[in-house]
Amino acid sequence: MDFFNSIEFYALALVVAVALLGLIFNPKAQAAVITHIEPMFLLPAQGVEQRNQLVLSTGPDGVLTITHDNVTASPADMLHVVVSVAGDHVKLEEN
């Protein structure tokens, strides 16, 4: 019973506790991020109301349509979207 009252026991218990906390709170490995830069085409609005919202829709061919109502870009401007995919998270950045 002297072992449980010794400094060695408490030092060993502290090391084991720190190791267990390190295993429990270890963050998961992040998935690799895949980035695509895709061109965007500015089309004239067709029946879009002024609601200050963003609408995402897809067609049967898989084309993503992003509808804005307050875009201040001319058709001559170079537009693109940066799509970053990490696991099941998708991030869209318009430029």
PDB file of N, CA and C in Angstrom:
ATOM      1  N   MET A   1       0.792  -1.199   0.000  1.00  0.00           N
ATOM      2  CA  MET A   1       0.000   0.000   0.000  1.00  0.00           C
ATOM      3  C   MET A   1       0.835   1.263   0.000  1.00  0.00           C
ATOM      4  N   ASP A   2       2.138   1.130   0.252  1.00  0.00           N
ATOM      5  CA  ASP A   2       2.975   2.320   0.247  1.00  0.00           C
ATOM      6  C   ASP A   2       3.116   2.904  -1.157  1.00  0.00           C
ATOM      7  N   PHE A   3       2.938   2.053  -2.186  1.00  0.00           N
ATOM      8  CA  PHE A   3       3.086   2.545  -3.563  1.00  0.00           C
ATOM      9  C   PHE A   3       2.031   3.597  -3.890  1.00  0.00           C
ATOM     10  N   PHE A   4       0.779   3.421  -3.392  1.00  0.00           N
ATOM     11  CA  PHE A   4      -0.285   4.361  -3.695  1.00  0.00           C
ATOM     12  C   PHE A   4      -0.137   5.693  -2.984  1.00  0.00           C
ATOM     13  N   ASN A   5       0.746   5.779  -2.023  1.00  0.00           N
ATOM     14  CA  ASN A   5       1.005   7.030  -1.310  1.00  0.00           C
ATOM     15  C   ASN A   5       2.343   7.639  -1.706  1.00  0.00           C
ATOM     16  N   SER A   6       2.999   7.063  -2.693  1.00  0.00           N
ATOM     17  CA  SER A   6       4.329   7.557  -3.068  1.00  0.00           C
ATOM     18  C   SER A   6       4.225   8.596  -4.183  1.00  0.00           C
ATOM     19  N   ILE A   7       5.307   9.359  -4.339  1.00  0.00           N
ATOM     20  CA  ILE A   7       5.394  10.377  -5.381  1.00  0.00           C
ATOM     21  C   ILE A   7       5.417   9.718  -6.762  1.00  0.00           C
ATOM     22  N   GLU A   8       6.013   8.561  -6.873  1.00  0.00           N
ATOM     23  CA  GLU A   8       6.078   7.860  -8.157  1.00  0.00           C
ATOM     24  C   GLU A   8       4.686   7.522  -8.669  1.00  0.00           C
ATOM     25  N   PHE A   9       3.792   7.087  -7.773  1.00  0.00           N
ATOM     26  CA  PHE A   9       2.426   6.751  -8.184  1.00  0.00           C
ATOM     27  C   PHE A   9       1.707   7.982  -8.743  1.00  0.00           C
ATOM     28  N   TYR A  10       1.834   9.102  -8.037  1.00  0.00           N
ATOM     29  CA  TYR A  10       1.140  10.312  -8.495  1.00  0.00           C
ATOM     30  C   TYR A  10       1.760  10.868  -9.774  1.00  0.00           C
ATOM     31  N   ALA A  11       3.068  10.740  -9.933  1.00  0.00           N
ATOM     32  CA  ALA A  11       3.707  11.167 -11.176  1.00  0.00           C
ATOM     33  C   ALA A  11       3.244  10.294 -12.345  1.00  0.00           C
ATOM     34  N   LEU A  12       3.159   8.989 -12.122  1.00  0.00           N
ATOM     35  CA  LEU A  12       2.686   8.073 -13.158  1.00  0.00           C
ATOM     36  C   LEU A  12       1.208   8.341 -13.475  1.00  0.00           C
ATOM     37  N   ALA A  13       0.401   8.587 -12.463  1.00  0.00           N
ATOM     38  CA  ALA A  13      -1.020   8.884 -12.674  1.00  0.00           C
ATOM     39  C   ALA A  13      -1.187  10.180 -13.469  1.00  0.00           C
ATOM     40  N   LEU A  14      -0.352  11.170 -13.207  1.00  0.00           N
ATOM     41  CA  LEU A  14      -0.405  12.432 -13.944  1.00  0.00           C
ATOM     42  C   LEU A  14      -0.040  12.227 -15.412  1.00  0.00           C
ATOM     43  N   VAL A  15       0.984  11.440 -15.682  1.00  0.00           N
ATOM     44  CA  VAL A  15       1.393  11.166 -17.065  1.00  0.00           C
ATOM     45  C   VAL A  15       0.287  10.421 -17.815  1.00  0.00           C
ATOM     46  N   VAL A  16      -0.329   9.441 -17.162  1.00  0.00           N
ATOM     47  CA  VAL A  16      -1.415   8.687 -17.788  1.00  0.00           C
ATOM     48  C   VAL A  16      -2.612   9.601 -18.043  1.00  0.00           C
ATOM     49  N   ALA A  17      -2.946  10.480 -17.119  1.00  0.00           N
ATOM     50  CA  ALA A  17      -4.079  11.391 -17.278  1.00  0.00           C
ATOM     51  C   ALA A  17      -3.837  12.359 -18.436  1.00  0.00           C
ATOM     52  N   VAL A  18      -2.637  12.896 -18.545  1.00  0.00           N
ATOM     53  CA  VAL A  18      -2.316  13.811 -19.644  1.00  0.00           C
ATOM     54  C   VAL A  18      -2.367  13.075 -20.977  1.00  0.00           C
ATOM     55  N   ALA A  19      -1.875  11.856 -21.028  1.00  0.00           N
ATOM     56  CA  ALA A  19      -1.926  11.068 -22.264  1.00  0.00           C
ATOM     57  C   ALA A  19      -3.367  10.778 -22.666  1.00  0.00           C
ATOM     58  N   LEU A  20      -4.218  10.437 -21.703  1.00  0.00           N
ATOM     59  CA  LEU A  20      -5.625  10.191 -22.015  1.00  0.00           C
ATOM     60  C   LEU A  20      -6.326  11.453 -22.503  1.00  0.00           C
ATOM     61  N   LEU A  21      -6.057  12.583 -21.887  1.00  0.00           N
ATOM     62  CA  LEU A  21      -6.650  13.842 -22.347  1.00  0.00           C
ATOM     63  C   LEU A  21      -6.182  14.182 -23.753  1.00  0.00           C
ATOM     64  N   GLY A  22      -4.925  13.902 -24.047  1.00  0.00           N
ATOM     65  CA  GLY A  22      -4.417  14.147 -25.396  1.00  0.00           C
ATOM     66  C   GLY A  22      -5.110  13.284 -26.427  1.00  0.00           C
ATOM     67  N   LEU A  23      -5.408  12.036 -26.099  1.00  0.00           N
ATOM     68  CA  LEU A  23      -6.121  11.154 -27.022  1.00  0.00           C
ATOM     69  C   LEU A  23      -7.580  11.555 -27.179  1.00  0.00           C
ATOM     70  N   ILE A  24      -8.205  11.973 -26.090  1.00  0.00           N
ATOM     71  CA  ILE A  24      -9.630  12.328 -26.140  1.00  0.00           C
ATOM     72  C   ILE A  24      -9.845  13.616 -26.931  1.00  0.00           C
ATOM     73  N   PHE A  25      -9.042  14.630 -26.714  1.00  0.00           N
ATOM     74  CA  PHE A  25      -9.254  15.928 -27.336  1.00  0.00           C
ATOM     75  C   PHE A  25      -8.419  16.146 -28.587  1.00  0.00           C
ATOM     76  N   ASN A  26      -7.888  15.096 -29.169  1.00  0.00           N
ATOM     77  CA  ASN A  26      -7.118  15.205 -30.406  1.00  0.00           C
ATOM     78  C   ASN A  26      -8.077  15.528 -31.554  1.00  0.00           C
ATOM     79  N   PRO A  27      -7.870  16.635 -32.281  1.00  0.00           N
ATOM     80  CA  PRO A  27      -8.788  16.980 -33.372  1.00  0.00           C
ATOM     81  C   PRO A  27      -8.680  15.982 -34.518  1.00  0.00           C
ATOM     82  N   LYS A  28      -9.810  15.800 -35.224  1.00  0.00           N
ATOM     83  CA  LYS A  28      -9.816  14.895 -36.364  1.00  0.00           C
ATOM     84  C   LYS A  28      -8.964  15.483 -37.482  1.00  0.00           C
ATOM     85  N   ALA A  29      -8.395  14.603 -38.266  1.00  0.00           N
ATOM     86  CA  ALA A  29      -7.610  15.049 -39.416  1.00  0.00           C
ATOM     87  C   ALA A  29      -8.547  15.674 -40.442  1.00  0.00           C
ATOM     88  N   GLN A  30      -8.158  16.819 -40.972  1.00  0.00           N
ATOM     89  CA  GLN A  30      -8.977  17.519 -41.960  1.00  0.00           C
ATOM     90  C   GLN A  30      -8.865  16.827 -43.304  1.00  0.00           C
ATOM     91  N   ALA A  31      -9.958  16.817 -44.028  1.00  0.00           N
ATOM     92  CA  ALA A  31      -9.953  16.239 -45.368  1.00  0.00           C
ATOM     93  C   ALA A  31      -9.214  17.178 -46.312  1.00  0.00           C
ATOM     94  N   ALA A  32      -8.648  16.621 -47.352  1.00  0.00           N
ATOM     95  CA  ALA A  32      -7.938  17.431 -48.339  1.00  0.00           C
ATOM     96  C   ALA A  32      -8.927  18.360 -49.043  1.00  0.00           C
ATOM     97  N   VAL A  33      -8.489  19.580 -49.304  1.00  0.00           N
ATOM     98  CA  VAL A  33      -9.333  20.566 -49.964  1.00  0.00           C
ATOM     99  C   VAL A  33      -9.056  20.531 -51.460  1.00  0.00           C
ATOM    100  N   ILE A  34     -10.123  20.386 -52.239  1.00  0.00           N
ATOM    101  CA  ILE A  34     -10.025  20.416 -53.694  1.00  0.00           C
ATOM    102  C   ILE A  34     -10.643  21.726 -54.158  1.00  0.00           C
ATOM    103  N   THR A  35      -9.900  22.502 -54.949  1.00  0.00           N
ATOM    104  CA  THR A  35     -10.361  23.815 -55.386  1.00  0.00           C
ATOM    105  C   THR A  35     -10.496  23.837 -56.897  1.00  0.00           C
ATOM    106  N   HIS A  36     -11.624  24.364 -57.359  1.00  0.00           N
ATOM    107  CA  HIS A  36     -11.886  24.549 -58.787  1.00  0.00           C
ATOM    108  C   HIS A  36     -12.164  26.027 -59.022  1.00  0.00           C
ATOM    109  N   ILE A  37     -11.661  26.565 -60.117  1.00  0.00           N
ATOM    110  CA  ILE A  37     -12.000  27.920 -60.543  1.00  0.00           C
ATOM    111  C   ILE A  37     -12.800  27.789 -61.829  1.00  0.00           C
ATOM    112  N   GLU A  38     -14.060  28.192 -61.768  1.00  0.00           N
ATOM    113  CA  GLU A  38     -14.963  28.029 -62.903  1.00  0.00           C
ATOM    114  C   GLU A  38     -15.407  29.397 -63.410  1.00  0.00           C
ATOM    115  N   PRO A  39     -15.512  29.566 -64.728  1.00  0.00           N
ATOM    116  CA  PRO A  39     -15.999  30.834 -65.266  1.00  0.00           C
ATOM    117  C   PRO A  39     -17.491  31.008 -64.993  1.00  0.00           C
ATOM    118  N   MET A  40     -17.904  32.253 -64.857  1.00  0.00           N
ATOM    119  CA  MET A  40     -19.315  32.580 -64.688  1.00  0.00           C
ATOM    120  C   MET A  40     -19.756  33.424 -65.870  1.00  0.00           C
ATOM    121  N   PHE A  41     -20.996  33.293 -66.224  1.00  0.00           N
ATOM    122  CA  PHE A  41     -21.561  34.060 -67.320  1.00  0.00           C
ATOM    123  C   PHE A  41     -22.677  34.929 -66.783  1.00  0.00           C
ATOM    124  N   LEU A  42     -22.636  36.206 -67.131  1.00  0.00           N
ATOM    125  CA  LEU A  42     -23.632  37.164 -66.674  1.00  0.00           C
ATOM    126  C   LEU A  42     -24.747  37.214 -67.699  1.00  0.00           C
ATOM    127  N   LEU A  43     -25.939  36.831 -67.279  1.00  0.00           N
ATOM    128  CA  LEU A  43     -27.096  36.818 -68.162  1.00  0.00           C
ATOM    129  C   LEU A  43     -28.096  37.862 -67.695  1.00  0.00           C
ATOM    130  N   PRO A  44     -28.914  38.392 -68.587  1.00  0.00           N
ATOM    131  CA  PRO A  44     -29.924  39.362 -68.159  1.00  0.00           C
ATOM    132  C   PRO A  44     -30.966  38.702 -67.241  1.00  0.00           C
ATOM    133  N   ALA A  45     -31.449  39.482 -66.300  1.00  0.00           N
ATOM    134  CA  ALA A  45     -32.430  38.967 -65.337  1.00  0.00           C
ATOM    135  C   ALA A  45     -33.759  38.729 -66.027  1.00  0.00           C
ATOM    136  N   GLN A  46     -34.402  37.665 -65.646  1.00  0.00           N
ATOM    137  CA  GLN A  46     -35.707  37.336 -66.209  1.00  0.00           C
ATOM    138  C   GLN A  46     -36.700  37.162 -65.076  1.00  0.00           C
ATOM    139  N   GLY A  47     -37.452  38.195 -64.803  1.00  0.00           N
ATOM    140  CA  GLY A  47     -38.493  38.107 -63.777  1.00  0.00           C
ATOM    141  C   GLY A  47     -37.966  38.012 -62.362  1.00  0.00           C
ATOM    142  N   VAL A  48     -36.801  38.580 -62.069  1.00  0.00           N
ATOM    143  CA  VAL A  48     -36.253  38.543 -60.711  1.00  0.00           C
ATOM    144  C   VAL A  48     -36.757  39.763 -59.951  1.00  0.00           C
ATOM    145  N   GLU A  49     -37.383  39.528 -58.822  1.00  0.00           N
ATOM    146  CA  GLU A  49     -37.873  40.623 -57.996  1.00  0.00           C
ATOM    147  C   GLU A  49     -36.736  41.158 -57.127  1.00  0.00           C
ATOM    148  N   GLN A  50     -36.862  42.394 -56.692  1.00  0.00           N
ATOM    149  CA  GLN A  50     -35.867  43.020 -55.825  1.00  0.00           C
ATOM    150  C   GLN A  50     -36.112  42.554 -54.377  1.00  0.00           C
ATOM    151  N   ARG A  51     -35.507  41.428 -53.985  1.00  0.00           N
ATOM    152  CA  ARG A  51     -35.706  40.869 -52.649  1.00  0.00           C
ATOM    153  C   ARG A  51     -34.406  40.783 -51.860  1.00  0.00           C
ATOM    154  N   ASN A  52     -33.303  41.246 -52.454  1.00  0.00           N
ATOM    155  CA  ASN A  52     -31.994  41.169 -51.793  1.00  0.00           C
ATOM    156  C   ASN A  52     -31.698  39.755 -51.298  1.00  0.00           C
ATOM    157  N   GLN A  53     -31.801  38.811 -52.193  1.00  0.00           N
ATOM    158  CA  GLN A  53     -31.497  37.439 -51.823  1.00  0.00           C
ATOM    159  C   GLN A  53     -30.699  36.764 -52.926  1.00  0.00           C
ATOM    160  N   LEU A  54     -30.159  35.641 -52.592  1.00  0.00           N
ATOM    161  CA  LEU A  54     -29.351  34.826 -53.490  1.00  0.00           C
ATOM    162  C   LEU A  54     -30.077  33.497 -53.673  1.00  0.00           C
ATOM    163  N   VAL A  55     -30.264  33.095 -54.922  1.00  0.00           N
ATOM    164  CA  VAL A  55     -30.980  31.852 -55.218  1.00  0.00           C
ATOM    165  C   VAL A  55     -30.031  30.931 -55.972  1.00  0.00           C
ATOM    166  N   LEU A  56     -29.847  29.718 -55.470  1.00  0.00           N
ATOM    167  CA  LEU A  56     -29.043  28.688 -56.126  1.00  0.00           C
ATOM    168  C   LEU A  56     -29.989  27.636 -56.691  1.00  0.00           C
ATOM    169  N   SER A  57     -29.799  27.293 -57.962  1.00  0.00           N
ATOM    170  CA  SER A  57     -30.613  26.239 -58.566  1.00  0.00           C
ATOM    171  C   SER A  57     -29.753  25.466 -59.555  1.00  0.00           C
ATOM    172  N   THR A  58     -30.150  24.235 -59.814  1.00  0.00           N
ATOM    173  CA  THR A  58     -29.432  23.402 -60.774  1.00  0.00           C
ATOM    174  C   THR A  58     -30.408  22.898 -61.818  1.00  0.00           C
ATOM    175  N   GLY A  59     -29.881  22.733 -63.029  1.00  0.00           N
ATOM    176  CA  GLY A  59     -30.683  22.206 -64.122  1.00  0.00           C
ATOM    177  C   GLY A  59     -30.480  20.713 -64.262  1.00  0.00           C
ATOM    178  N   PRO A  60     -31.214  20.090 -65.182  1.00  0.00           N
ATOM    179  CA  PRO A  60     -31.071  18.647 -65.372  1.00  0.00           C
ATOM    180  C   PRO A  60     -29.701  18.253 -65.914  1.00  0.00           C
ATOM    181  N   ASP A  61     -28.987  19.203 -66.522  1.00  0.00           N
ATOM    182  CA  ASP A  61     -27.649  18.912 -67.050  1.00  0.00           C
ATOM    183  C   ASP A  61     -26.554  19.165 -66.026  1.00  0.00           C
ATOM    184  N   GLY A  62     -26.928  19.531 -64.795  1.00  0.00           N
ATOM    185  CA  GLY A  62     -25.956  19.728 -63.736  1.00  0.00           C
ATOM    186  C   GLY A  62     -25.370  21.124 -63.667  1.00  0.00           C
ATOM    187  N   VAL A  63     -25.894  22.076 -64.425  1.00  0.00           N
ATOM    188  CA  VAL A  63     -25.396  23.448 -64.419  1.00  0.00           C
ATOM    189  C   VAL A  63     -25.973  24.177 -63.210  1.00  0.00           C
ATOM    190  N   LEU A  64     -25.089  24.807 -62.437  1.00  0.00           N
ATOM    191  CA  LEU A  64     -25.492  25.580 -61.267  1.00  0.00           C
ATOM    192  C   LEU A  64     -25.804  26.996 -61.700  1.00  0.00           C
ATOM    193  N   THR A  65     -26.971  27.491 -61.326  1.00  0.00           N
ATOM    194  CA  THR A  65     -27.378  28.859 -61.633  1.00  0.00           C
ATOM    195  C   THR A  65     -27.464  29.638 -60.335  1.00  0.00           C
ATOM    196  N   ILE A  66     -26.729  30.749 -60.261  1.00  0.00           N
ATOM    197  CA  ILE A  66     -26.758  31.635 -59.104  1.00  0.00           C
ATOM    198  C   ILE A  66     -27.473  32.905 -59.541  1.00  0.00           C
ATOM    199  N   THR A  67     -28.589  33.223 -58.881  1.00  0.00           N
ATOM    200  CA  THR A  67     -29.389  34.378 -59.249  1.00  0.00           C
ATOM    201  C   THR A  67     -29.268  35.442 -58.174  1.00  0.00           C
ATOM    202  N   HIS A  68     -28.814  36.640 -58.590  1.00  0.00           N
ATOM    203  CA  HIS A  68     -28.744  37.820 -57.727  1.00  0.00           C
ATOM    204  C   HIS A  68     -29.741  38.831 -58.247  1.00  0.00           C
ATOM    205  N   ASP A  69     -30.128  39.778 -57.422  1.00  0.00           N
ATOM    206  CA  ASP A  69     -30.970  40.843 -57.927  1.00  0.00           C
ATOM    207  C   ASP A  69     -30.282  42.209 -57.877  1.00  0.00           C
ATOM    208  N   ASN A  70     -29.152  42.341 -57.198  1.00  0.00           N
ATOM    209  CA  ASN A  70     -28.463  43.631 -57.100  1.00  0.00           C
ATOM    210  C   ASN A  70     -27.016  43.514 -57.553  1.00  0.00           C
ATOM    211  N   VAL A  71     -26.775  42.955 -58.729  1.00  0.00           N
ATOM    212  CA  VAL A  71     -25.420  42.804 -59.253  1.00  0.00           C
ATOM    213  C   VAL A  71     -25.074  44.049 -60.058  1.00  0.00           C
ATOM    214  N   THR A  72     -23.910  44.630 -59.769  1.00  0.00           N
ATOM    215  CA  THR A  72     -23.473  45.832 -60.489  1.00  0.00           C
ATOM    216  C   THR A  72     -22.263  45.496 -61.352  1.00  0.00           C
ATOM    217  N   ALA A  73     -22.433  44.579 -62.270  1.00  0.00           N
ATOM    218  CA  ALA A  73     -21.354  44.194 -63.176  1.00  0.00           C
ATOM    219  C   ALA A  73     -21.880  44.288 -64.594  1.00  0.00           C
ATOM    220  N   SER A  74     -20.991  44.648 -65.489  1.00  0.00           N
ATOM    221  CA  SER A  74     -21.381  44.708 -66.895  1.00  0.00           C
ATOM    222  C   SER A  74     -21.059  43.365 -67.545  1.00  0.00           C
ATOM    223  N   PRO A  75     -21.691  43.053 -68.692  1.00  0.00           N
ATOM    224  CA  PRO A  75     -21.403  41.780 -69.363  1.00  0.00           C
ATOM    225  C   PRO A  75     -19.948  41.647 -69.814  1.00  0.00           C
ATOM    226  N   ALA A  76     -19.206  42.768 -69.905  1.00  0.00           N
ATOM    227  CA  ALA A  76     -17.803  42.711 -70.319  1.00  0.00           C
ATOM    228  C   ALA A  76     -16.865  42.348 -69.171  1.00  0.00           C
ATOM    229  N   ASP A  77     -17.345  42.374 -67.931  1.00  0.00           N
ATOM    230  CA  ASP A  77     -16.510  42.046 -66.773  1.00  0.00           C
ATOM    231  C   ASP A  77     -16.180  40.556 -66.762  1.00  0.00           C
ATOM    232  N   MET A  78     -14.961  40.246 -66.277  1.00  0.00           N
ATOM    233  CA  MET A  78     -14.526  38.850 -66.156  1.00  0.00           C
ATOM    234  C   MET A  78     -15.010  38.337 -64.808  1.00  0.00           C
ATOM    235  N   LEU A  79     -15.865  37.347 -64.807  1.00  0.00           N
ATOM    236  CA  LEU A  79     -16.418  36.807 -63.575  1.00  0.00           C
ATOM    237  C   LEU A  79     -16.048  35.339 -63.451  1.00  0.00           C
ATOM    238  N   HIS A  80     -15.778  34.907 -62.233  1.00  0.00           N
ATOM    239  CA  HIS A  80     -15.531  33.494 -61.977  1.00  0.00           C
ATOM    240  C   HIS A  80     -15.909  33.163 -60.544  1.00  0.00           C
ATOM    241  N   VAL A  81     -16.080  31.897 -60.296  1.00  0.00           N
ATOM    242  CA  VAL A  81     -16.409  31.414 -58.959  1.00  0.00           C
ATOM    243  C   VAL A  81     -15.346  30.398 -58.556  1.00  0.00           C
ATOM    244  N   VAL A  82     -14.909  30.504 -57.311  1.00  0.00           N
ATOM    245  CA  VAL A  82     -13.937  29.563 -56.755  1.00  0.00           C
ATOM    246  C   VAL A  82     -14.711  28.594 -55.870  1.00  0.00           C
ATOM    247  N   VAL A  83     -14.665  27.311 -56.220  1.00  0.00           N
ATOM    248  CA  VAL A  83     -15.377  26.266 -55.486  1.00  0.00           C
ATOM    249  C   VAL A  83     -14.344  25.444 -54.718  1.00  0.00           C
ATOM    250  N   SER A  84     -14.452  25.451 -53.390  1.00  0.00           N
ATOM    251  CA  SER A  84     -13.555  24.671 -52.533  1.00  0.00           C
ATOM    252  C   SER A  84     -14.373  23.566 -51.873  1.00  0.00           C
ATOM    253  N   VAL A  85     -13.925  22.324 -52.024  1.00  0.00           N
ATOM    254  CA  VAL A  85     -14.628  21.169 -51.471  1.00  0.00           C
ATOM    255  C   VAL A  85     -13.690  20.473 -50.487  1.00  0.00           C
ATOM    256  N   ALA A  86     -14.130  20.352 -49.242  1.00  0.00           N
ATOM    257  CA  ALA A  86     -13.378  19.649 -48.201  1.00  0.00           C
ATOM    258  C   ALA A  86     -14.324  18.685 -47.509  1.00  0.00           C
ATOM    259  N   GLY A  87     -14.222  17.421 -47.849  1.00  0.00           N
ATOM    260  CA  GLY A  87     -15.134  16.435 -47.266  1.00  0.00           C
ATOM    261  C   GLY A  87     -16.546  16.686 -47.751  1.00  0.00           C
ATOM    262  N   ASP A  88     -17.460  16.974 -46.822  1.00  0.00           N
ATOM    263  CA  ASP A  88     -18.829  17.279 -47.205  1.00  0.00           C
ATOM    264  C   ASP A  88     -19.139  18.770 -47.103  1.00  0.00           C
ATOM    265  N   HIS A  89     -18.113  19.613 -47.004  1.00  0.00           N
ATOM    266  CA  HIS A  89     -18.280  21.059 -46.950  1.00  0.00           C
ATOM    267  C   HIS A  89     -17.922  21.667 -48.292  1.00  0.00           C
ATOM    268  N   VAL A  90     -18.797  22.529 -48.809  1.00  0.00           N
ATOM    269  CA  VAL A  90     -18.558  23.215 -50.074  1.00  0.00           C
ATOM    270  C   VAL A  90     -18.584  24.706 -49.802  1.00  0.00           C
ATOM    271  N   LYS A  91     -17.569  25.416 -50.314  1.00  0.00           N
ATOM    272  CA  LYS A  91     -17.470  26.864 -50.135  1.00  0.00           C
ATOM    273  C   LYS A  91     -17.408  27.502 -51.525  1.00  0.00           C
ATOM    274  N   LEU A  92     -18.291  28.471 -51.785  1.00  0.00           N
ATOM    275  CA  LEU A  92     -18.343  29.189 -53.049  1.00  0.00           C
ATOM    276  C   LEU A  92     -17.907  30.624 -52.814  1.00  0.00           C
ATOM    277  N   GLU A  93     -16.968  31.109 -53.630  1.00  0.00           N
ATOM    278  CA  GLU A  93     -16.529  32.493 -53.571  1.00  0.00           C
ATOM    279  C   GLU A  93     -16.679  33.097 -54.952  1.00  0.00           C
ATOM    280  N   GLU A  94     -17.453  34.153 -55.060  1.00  0.00           N
ATOM    281  CA  GLU A  94     -17.614  34.826 -56.348  1.00  0.00           C
ATOM    282  C   GLU A  94     -16.574  35.937 -56.469  1.00  0.00           C
ATOM    283  N   ASN A  95     -15.989  36.022 -57.642  1.00  0.00           N
ATOM    284  CA  ASN A  95     -15.024  37.092 -57.915  1.00  0.00           C
ATOM    285  C   ASN A  95     -15.365  37.720 -59.248  1.00  0.00           C
TER     286      ASN A  95
END
